[in-house]
Amino acid sequence: MGWWLNVSELILLTGALGACCGGFIALVCSNMRMSRCKKIKCCCFECDRENLTPEEYNKELENQHEIEHQAHGEPNQNV
């Protein structure tokens, strides 16, 4: 009759679309978090914020690298 009547394919399609949307939202939010912009506008979201000082920004980057090394099981190497 139609593809929309097959429940298993509909569930797979919905799950794949949800995962793609979730990944895209996570990517955009991650880039916004590390952005140096003071005013951010994205779709229906608008944010006016204070920028981090260079010291705070570098510390945040170091923490990010440390978390990534821990996730991959790599030893922490200070650069």
Protein backbone atom coordinates (compact mmCIF):
# COMPACT_ATOMS: atom_id res chain seq x y z
CA MET A 1 0.00 0.00 0.00
CA GLY A 2 2.57 2.56 1.03
CA TRP A 3 5.88 2.93 2.81
CA TRP A 4 4.32 4.81 5.69
CA LEU A 5 2.39 1.73 6.71
CA ASN A 6 5.51 -0.35 7.42
CA VAL A 7 6.12 0.31 11.11
CA SER A 8 9.72 -0.94 11.30
CA GLU A 9 10.87 1.27 8.41
CA LEU A 10 9.04 4.26 9.88
CA ILE A 11 10.79 3.74 13.22
CA LEU A 12 14.20 3.45 11.51
CA LEU A 13 13.56 6.58 9.44
CA THR A 14 12.41 8.54 12.48
CA GLY A 15 15.44 7.41 14.48
CA ALA A 16 17.86 8.34 11.69
CA LEU A 17 16.30 11.78 11.25
CA GLY A 18 16.35 12.35 15.01
CA ALA A 19 20.02 11.36 15.22
CA CYS A 20 20.92 13.69 12.33
CA CYS A 21 19.04 16.61 13.89
CA GLY A 22 20.58 15.93 17.29
CA GLY A 23 24.07 15.80 15.80
CA PHE A 24 23.54 19.05 13.94
CA ILE A 25 22.24 20.81 17.06
CA ALA A 26 25.20 19.52 19.10
CA LEU A 27 27.63 20.75 16.44
CA VAL A 28 26.08 24.23 16.29
CA CYS A 29 25.97 24.54 20.09
CA SER A 30 29.59 23.42 20.41
CA ASN A 31 30.70 26.02 17.88
CA MET A 32 28.65 28.73 19.61
CA ARG A 33 30.21 27.87 22.96
CA MET A 34 33.77 28.32 21.65
CA SER A 35 32.88 31.34 19.53
CA ARG A 36 34.44 34.73 20.27
CA CYS A 37 31.32 36.56 19.05
CA LYS A 38 29.50 38.82 21.50
CA LYS A 39 26.08 38.62 19.86
CA ILE A 40 24.91 35.33 18.36
CA LYS A 41 21.79 34.85 16.24
CA CYS A 42 20.89 31.39 14.95
CA CYS A 43 17.40 30.60 13.62
CA CYS A 44 15.06 31.53 16.49
CA PHE A 45 17.85 31.66 19.10
CA GLU A 46 19.54 34.94 20.04
CA CYS A 47 22.24 35.41 22.66
CA ASP A 48 24.08 38.51 23.87
CA ARG A 49 27.02 37.53 26.07
CA GLU A 50 30.37 38.54 27.49
CA ASN A 51 33.49 37.12 25.87
CA LEU A 52 36.03 35.15 27.84
CA THR A 53 39.34 36.75 28.58
CA PRO A 54 42.28 35.23 26.64
CA GLU A 55 43.39 33.39 29.80
CA GLU A 56 39.91 31.93 30.37
CA TYR A 57 39.65 30.98 26.70
CA ASN A 58 43.02 29.17 26.76
CA LYS A 59 42.06 27.37 29.97
CA GLU A 60 38.80 26.24 28.36
CA LEU A 61 40.72 24.92 25.33
CA GLU A 62 43.12 23.03 27.60
CA ASN A 63 40.18 21.47 29.45
CA GLN A 64 38.58 20.49 26.14
CA HIS A 65 41.80 18.80 24.96
CA GLU A 66 42.15 17.00 28.29
CA ILE A 67 38.60 15.65 28.03
CA GLU A 68 39.23 14.47 24.47
CA HIS A 69 42.45 12.69 25.51
CA GLN A 70 40.64 10.97 28.39
CA ALA A 71 37.86 9.83 26.06
CA HIS A 72 40.36 8.25 23.67
CA GLY A 73 42.49 6.75 26.44
CA GLU A 74 45.53 8.76 25.38
CA PRO A 75 48.02 10.03 27.96
CA ASN A 76 47.73 13.73 28.74
CA GLN A 77 50.57 15.69 27.14
CA ASN A 78 50.89 19.37 27.99
CA VAL A 79 51.69 21.41 24.89
